[in-house]
Each structure stands twice: as C-alpha cells, then as structure tokens.
Amino acid sequence: MELGVAGSIAVKQISGVYVDSQINSWMDANPDIEVISIKFVTSASEGNYSTDALIIYRKED
C-alpha cells in the first residue's frame, strides 16, 4: 500500500516539566530532520504541572 505524502510524516512526543532542553537535544541528534511544526500543551493539577510537546517532522526517504 502506497502512503503518499502522509507516509513521509512522523511525530515525536516529549513530556516533562521543562521540555525545551529535551526538544533541543532531540533536534541536535537529528540535524537533517525537517521540522514541520511543534505543538505544546501544559496541564496542571493540584499544584503540579507537566508539559507535552509533539514534534511533527518529515522523515528522510
């Protein structure tokens, strides 16, 4: 089955309190990746919080 353009798209999820350094480390380790978008969401509950990031990128052929 041919996936077309969508078949070249992948995602990487990163979770934690401070995700910026994790995102930078992942991008440093994957310098040839074409990042399409990065989405963030932060959730809080009873004084605790966490951030999730979803990196949407194009896979290498």
PDB file of N, CA and C in Angstrom:
ATOM      1  N   MET A   1       0.846  -1.182   0.000  1.00  0.00           N
ATOM      2  CA  MET A   1       0.000   0.000   0.000  1.00  0.00           C
ATOM      3  C   MET A   1       0.884   1.235   0.000  1.00  0.00           C
ATOM      4  N   GLU A   2       0.641   2.132  -0.909  1.00  0.00           N
ATOM      5  CA  GLU A   2       1.380   3.389  -1.003  1.00  0.00           C
ATOM      6  C   GLU A   2       0.761   4.419  -0.064  1.00  0.00           C
ATOM      7  N   LEU A   3       1.578   5.064   0.753  1.00  0.00           N
ATOM      8  CA  LEU A   3       1.064   6.032   1.720  1.00  0.00           C
ATOM      9  C   LEU A   3       1.082   7.468   1.208  1.00  0.00           C
ATOM     10  N   GLY A   4       1.783   7.753   0.136  1.00  0.00           N
ATOM     11  CA  GLY A   4       1.829   9.105  -0.407  1.00  0.00           C
ATOM     12  C   GLY A   4       2.544  10.068   0.517  1.00  0.00           C
ATOM     13  N   VAL A   5       2.143  11.326   0.465  1.00  0.00           N
ATOM     14  CA  VAL A   5       2.798  12.380   1.245  1.00  0.00           C
ATOM     15  C   VAL A   5       2.688  12.113   2.742  1.00  0.00           C
ATOM     16  N   ALA A   6       1.535  11.653   3.208  1.00  0.00           N
ATOM     17  CA  ALA A   6       1.352  11.405   4.644  1.00  0.00           C
ATOM     18  C   ALA A   6       2.307  10.326   5.147  1.00  0.00           C
ATOM     19  N   GLY A   7       2.739   9.436   4.283  1.00  0.00           N
ATOM     20  CA  GLY A   7       3.661   8.386   4.681  1.00  0.00           C
ATOM     21  C   GLY A   7       5.034   8.898   5.045  1.00  0.00           C
ATOM     22  N   SER A   8       5.343  10.141   4.670  1.00  0.00           N
ATOM     23  CA  SER A   8       6.653  10.709   4.998  1.00  0.00           C
ATOM     24  C   SER A   8       6.605  11.571   6.263  1.00  0.00           C
ATOM     25  N   ILE A   9       5.445  11.644   6.925  1.00  0.00           N
ATOM     26  CA  ILE A   9       5.281  12.444   8.134  1.00  0.00           C
ATOM     27  C   ILE A   9       5.397  11.536   9.360  1.00  0.00           C
ATOM     28  N   ALA A  10       6.096  12.013  10.390  1.00  0.00           N
ATOM     29  CA  ALA A  10       6.228  11.262  11.642  1.00  0.00           C
ATOM     30  C   ALA A  10       6.125  12.240  12.803  1.00  0.00           C
ATOM     31  N   VAL A  11       5.974  11.717  14.008  1.00  0.00           N
ATOM     32  CA  VAL A  11       5.876  12.558  15.195  1.00  0.00           C
ATOM     33  C   VAL A  11       6.801  12.032  16.287  1.00  0.00           C
ATOM     34  N   LYS A  12       7.202  12.931  17.158  1.00  0.00           N
ATOM     35  CA  LYS A  12       7.993  12.600  18.350  1.00  0.00           C
ATOM     36  C   LYS A  12       7.333  13.311  19.520  1.00  0.00           C
ATOM     37  N   GLN A  13       6.930  12.561  20.558  1.00  0.00           N
ATOM     38  CA  GLN A  13       6.319  13.156  21.733  1.00  0.00           C
ATOM     39  C   GLN A  13       7.352  13.261  22.843  1.00  0.00           C
ATOM     40  N   ILE A  14       7.377  14.418  23.491  1.00  0.00           N
ATOM     41  CA  ILE A  14       8.287  14.660  24.613  1.00  0.00           C
ATOM     42  C   ILE A  14       7.452  15.193  25.768  1.00  0.00           C
ATOM     43  N   SER A  15       7.644  14.634  26.951  1.00  0.00           N
ATOM     44  CA  SER A  15       6.884  15.041  28.134  1.00  0.00           C
ATOM     45  C   SER A  15       7.821  15.373  29.276  1.00  0.00           C
ATOM     46  N   GLY A  16       7.394  16.286  30.127  1.00  0.00           N
ATOM     47  CA  GLY A  16       8.167  16.642  31.311  1.00  0.00           C
ATOM     48  C   GLY A  16       7.774  18.013  31.811  1.00  0.00           C
ATOM     49  N   VAL A  17       8.518  18.506  32.777  1.00  0.00           N
ATOM     50  CA  VAL A  17       8.243  19.838  33.310  1.00  0.00           C
ATOM     51  C   VAL A  17       8.880  20.898  32.417  1.00  0.00           C
ATOM     52  N   TYR A  18      10.147  20.706  32.082  1.00  0.00           N
ATOM     53  CA  TYR A  18      10.854  21.620  31.188  1.00  0.00           C
ATOM     54  C   TYR A  18      11.257  20.844  29.946  1.00  0.00           C
ATOM     55  N   VAL A  19      10.529  21.019  28.864  1.00  0.00           N
ATOM     56  CA  VAL A  19      10.776  20.211  27.675  1.00  0.00           C
ATOM     57  C   VAL A  19      11.712  20.886  26.678  1.00  0.00           C
ATOM     58  N   ASP A  20      12.040  22.152  26.883  1.00  0.00           N
ATOM     59  CA  ASP A  20      12.861  22.865  25.896  1.00  0.00           C
ATOM     60  C   ASP A  20      14.221  22.208  25.698  1.00  0.00           C
ATOM     61  N   SER A  21      14.882  21.806  26.766  1.00  0.00           N
ATOM     62  CA  SER A  21      16.197  21.175  26.613  1.00  0.00           C
ATOM     63  C   SER A  21      16.071  19.800  25.957  1.00  0.00           C
ATOM     64  N   GLN A  22      14.978  19.074  26.245  1.00  0.00           N
ATOM     65  CA  GLN A  22      14.756  17.774  25.611  1.00  0.00           C
ATOM     66  C   GLN A  22      14.511  17.948  24.109  1.00  0.00           C
ATOM     67  N   ILE A  23      13.746  18.968  23.737  1.00  0.00           N
ATOM     68  CA  ILE A  23      13.495  19.246  22.324  1.00  0.00           C
ATOM     69  C   ILE A  23      14.800  19.618  21.626  1.00  0.00           C
ATOM     70  N   ASN A  24      15.572  20.500  22.235  1.00  0.00           N
ATOM     71  CA  ASN A  24      16.848  20.911  21.639  1.00  0.00           C
ATOM     72  C   ASN A  24      17.801  19.724  21.485  1.00  0.00           C
ATOM     73  N   SER A  25      17.856  18.856  22.473  1.00  0.00           N
ATOM     74  CA  SER A  25      18.724  17.674  22.395  1.00  0.00           C
ATOM     75  C   SER A  25      18.288  16.753  21.265  1.00  0.00           C
ATOM     76  N   TRP A  26      16.969  16.538  21.132  1.00  0.00           N
ATOM     77  CA  TRP A  26      16.468  15.676  20.068  1.00  0.00           C
ATOM     78  C   TRP A  26      16.776  16.281  18.700  1.00  0.00           C
ATOM     79  N   MET A  27      16.603  17.594  18.573  1.00  0.00           N
ATOM     80  CA  MET A  27      16.891  18.256  17.300  1.00  0.00           C
ATOM     81  C   MET A  27      18.387  18.231  16.992  1.00  0.00           C
ATOM     82  N   ASP A  28      19.244  18.393  18.007  1.00  0.00           N
ATOM     83  CA  ASP A  28      20.695  18.294  17.800  1.00  0.00           C
ATOM     84  C   ASP A  28      21.088  16.892  17.332  1.00  0.00           C
ATOM     85  N   ALA A  29      20.404  15.873  17.860  1.00  0.00           N
ATOM     86  CA  ALA A  29      20.704  14.495  17.488  1.00  0.00           C
ATOM     87  C   ALA A  29      20.145  14.124  16.110  1.00  0.00           C
ATOM     88  N   ASN A  30      19.241  14.949  15.589  1.00  0.00           N
ATOM     89  CA  ASN A  30      18.605  14.691  14.293  1.00  0.00           C
ATOM     90  C   ASN A  30      18.693  15.931  13.404  1.00  0.00           C
ATOM     91  N   PRO A  31      19.897  16.372  13.046  1.00  0.00           N
ATOM     92  CA  PRO A  31      20.062  17.657  12.347  1.00  0.00           C
ATOM     93  C   PRO A  31      19.488  17.683  10.930  1.00  0.00           C
ATOM     94  N   ASP A  32      19.277  16.533  10.323  1.00  0.00           N
ATOM     95  CA  ASP A  32      18.774  16.502   8.948  1.00  0.00           C
ATOM     96  C   ASP A  32      17.253  16.393   8.871  1.00  0.00           C
ATOM     97  N   ILE A  33      16.586  16.371  10.008  1.00  0.00           N
ATOM     98  CA  ILE A  33      15.131  16.255  10.047  1.00  0.00           C
ATOM     99  C   ILE A  33      14.507  17.604   9.684  1.00  0.00           C
ATOM    100  N   GLU A  34      13.480  17.562   8.843  1.00  0.00           N
ATOM    101  CA  GLU A  34      12.725  18.769   8.505  1.00  0.00           C
ATOM    102  C   GLU A  34      11.540  18.870   9.465  1.00  0.00           C
ATOM    103  N   VAL A  35      11.614  19.809  10.407  1.00  0.00           N
ATOM    104  CA  VAL A  35      10.533  20.005  11.374  1.00  0.00           C
ATOM    105  C   VAL A  35       9.418  20.792  10.690  1.00  0.00           C
ATOM    106  N   ILE A  36       8.217  20.257  10.753  1.00  0.00           N
ATOM    107  CA  ILE A  36       7.054  20.919  10.176  1.00  0.00           C
ATOM    108  C   ILE A  36       6.398  21.818  11.216  1.00  0.00           C
ATOM    109  N   SER A  37       6.249  21.318  12.438  1.00  0.00           N
ATOM    110  CA  SER A  37       5.593  22.085  13.498  1.00  0.00           C
ATOM    111  C   SER A  37       5.927  21.476  14.853  1.00  0.00           C
ATOM    112  N   ILE A  38       5.832  22.290  15.890  1.00  0.00           N
ATOM    113  CA  ILE A  38       5.959  21.814  17.273  1.00  0.00           C
ATOM    114  C   ILE A  38       4.749  22.335  18.030  1.00  0.00           C
ATOM    115  N   LYS A  39       4.004  21.433  18.647  1.00  0.00           N
ATOM    116  CA  LYS A  39       2.803  21.771  19.410  1.00  0.00           C
ATOM    117  C   LYS A  39       3.091  21.553  20.887  1.00  0.00           C
ATOM    118  N   PHE A  40       2.611  22.469  21.721  1.00  0.00           N
ATOM    119  CA  PHE A  40       2.803  22.377  23.166  1.00  0.00           C
ATOM    120  C   PHE A  40       1.455  22.379  23.877  1.00  0.00           C
ATOM    121  N   VAL A  41       1.386  21.684  24.995  1.00  0.00           N
ATOM    122  CA  VAL A  41       0.246  21.781  25.893  1.00  0.00           C
ATOM    123  C   VAL A  41       0.778  21.608  27.311  1.00  0.00           C
ATOM    124  N   THR A  42       0.278  22.421  28.217  1.00  0.00           N
ATOM    125  CA  THR A  42       0.661  22.318  29.625  1.00  0.00           C
ATOM    126  C   THR A  42      -0.596  22.021  30.428  1.00  0.00           C
ATOM    127  N   SER A  43      -0.502  21.055  31.324  1.00  0.00           N
ATOM    128  CA  SER A  43      -1.635  20.715  32.180  1.00  0.00           C
ATOM    129  C   SER A  43      -1.211  20.851  33.638  1.00  0.00           C
ATOM    130  N   ALA A  44      -2.174  21.247  34.472  1.00  0.00           N
ATOM    131  CA  ALA A  44      -1.896  21.450  35.897  1.00  0.00           C
ATOM    132  C   ALA A  44      -2.966  20.758  36.728  1.00  0.00           C
ATOM    133  N   SER A  45      -2.533  20.223  37.866  1.00  0.00           N
ATOM    134  CA  SER A  45      -3.453  19.572  38.779  1.00  0.00           C
ATOM    135  C   SER A  45      -2.883  19.644  40.178  1.00  0.00           C
ATOM    136  N   GLU A  46      -3.604  20.254  41.083  1.00  0.00           N
ATOM    137  CA  GLU A  46      -3.233  20.330  42.497  1.00  0.00           C
ATOM    138  C   GLU A  46      -1.800  20.823  42.703  1.00  0.00           C
ATOM    139  N   GLY A  47      -1.434  21.886  42.004  1.00  0.00           N
ATOM    140  CA  GLY A  47      -0.123  22.485  42.188  1.00  0.00           C
ATOM    141  C   GLY A  47       0.993  21.868  41.375  1.00  0.00           C
ATOM    142  N   ASN A  48       0.751  20.774  40.709  1.00  0.00           N
ATOM    143  CA  ASN A  48       1.743  20.140  39.845  1.00  0.00           C
ATOM    144  C   ASN A  48       1.406  20.444  38.394  1.00  0.00           C
ATOM    145  N   TYR A  49       2.435  20.504  37.574  1.00  0.00           N
ATOM    146  CA  TYR A  49       2.165  20.723  36.147  1.00  0.00           C
ATOM    147  C   TYR A  49       3.162  19.934  35.310  1.00  0.00           C
ATOM    148  N   SER A  50       2.751  19.715  34.081  1.00  0.00           N
ATOM    149  CA  SER A  50       3.575  18.981  33.131  1.00  0.00           C
ATOM    150  C   SER A  50       3.333  19.559  31.744  1.00  0.00           C
ATOM    151  N   THR A  51       4.348  19.508  30.915  1.00  0.00           N
ATOM    152  CA  THR A  51       4.241  19.982  29.539  1.00  0.00           C
ATOM    153  C   THR A  51       4.497  18.828  28.598  1.00  0.00           C
ATOM    154  N   ASP A  52       3.683  18.767  27.568  1.00  0.00           N
ATOM    155  CA  ASP A  52       3.871  17.794  26.497  1.00  0.00           C
ATOM    156  C   ASP A  52       4.141  18.563  25.216  1.00  0.00           C
ATOM    157  N   ALA A  53       5.086  18.068  24.443  1.00  0.00           N
ATOM    158  CA  ALA A  53       5.394  18.651  23.143  1.00  0.00           C
ATOM    159  C   ALA A  53       5.282  17.558  22.095  1.00  0.00           C
ATOM    160  N   LEU A  54       4.720  17.908  20.964  1.00  0.00           N
ATOM    161  CA  LEU A  54       4.615  16.990  19.843  1.00  0.00           C
ATOM    162  C   LEU A  54       5.351  17.627  18.674  1.00  0.00           C
ATOM    163  N   ILE A  55       6.436  16.976  18.254  1.00  0.00           N
ATOM    164  CA  ILE A  55       7.215  17.465  17.116  1.00  0.00           C
ATOM    165  C   ILE A  55       6.722  16.716  15.884  1.00  0.00           C
ATOM    166  N   ILE A  56       6.240  17.452  14.910  1.00  0.00           N
ATOM    167  CA  ILE A  56       5.777  16.877  13.656  1.00  0.00           C
ATOM    168  C   ILE A  56       6.871  17.130  12.636  1.00  0.00           C
ATOM    169  N   TYR A  57       7.367  16.067  12.014  1.00  0.00           N
ATOM    170  CA  TYR A  57       8.502  16.225  11.109  1.00  0.00           C
ATOM    171  C   TYR A  57       8.373  15.319   9.891  1.00  0.00           C
ATOM    172  N   ARG A  58       9.148  15.629   8.886  1.00  0.00           N
ATOM    173  CA  ARG A  58       9.176  14.830   7.664  1.00  0.00           C
ATOM    174  C   ARG A  58      10.321  13.834   7.766  1.00  0.00           C
ATOM    175  N   LYS A  59       9.999  12.557   7.578  1.00  0.00           N
ATOM    176  CA  LYS A  59      11.007  11.501   7.635  1.00  0.00           C
ATOM    177  C   LYS A  59      11.877  11.566   6.382  1.00  0.00           C
ATOM    178  N   GLU A  60      13.122  11.131   6.550  1.00  0.00           N
ATOM    179  CA  GLU A  60      14.014  11.036   5.406  1.00  0.00           C
ATOM    180  C   GLU A  60      13.586   9.868   4.526  1.00  0.00           C
ATOM    181  N   ASP A  61      13.756  10.035   3.221  1.00  0.00           N
ATOM    182  CA  ASP A  61      13.417   8.950   2.293  1.00  0.00           C
ATOM    183  C   ASP A  61      14.515   7.942   2.231  1.00  0.00           C
TER     184      ASP A  61
END
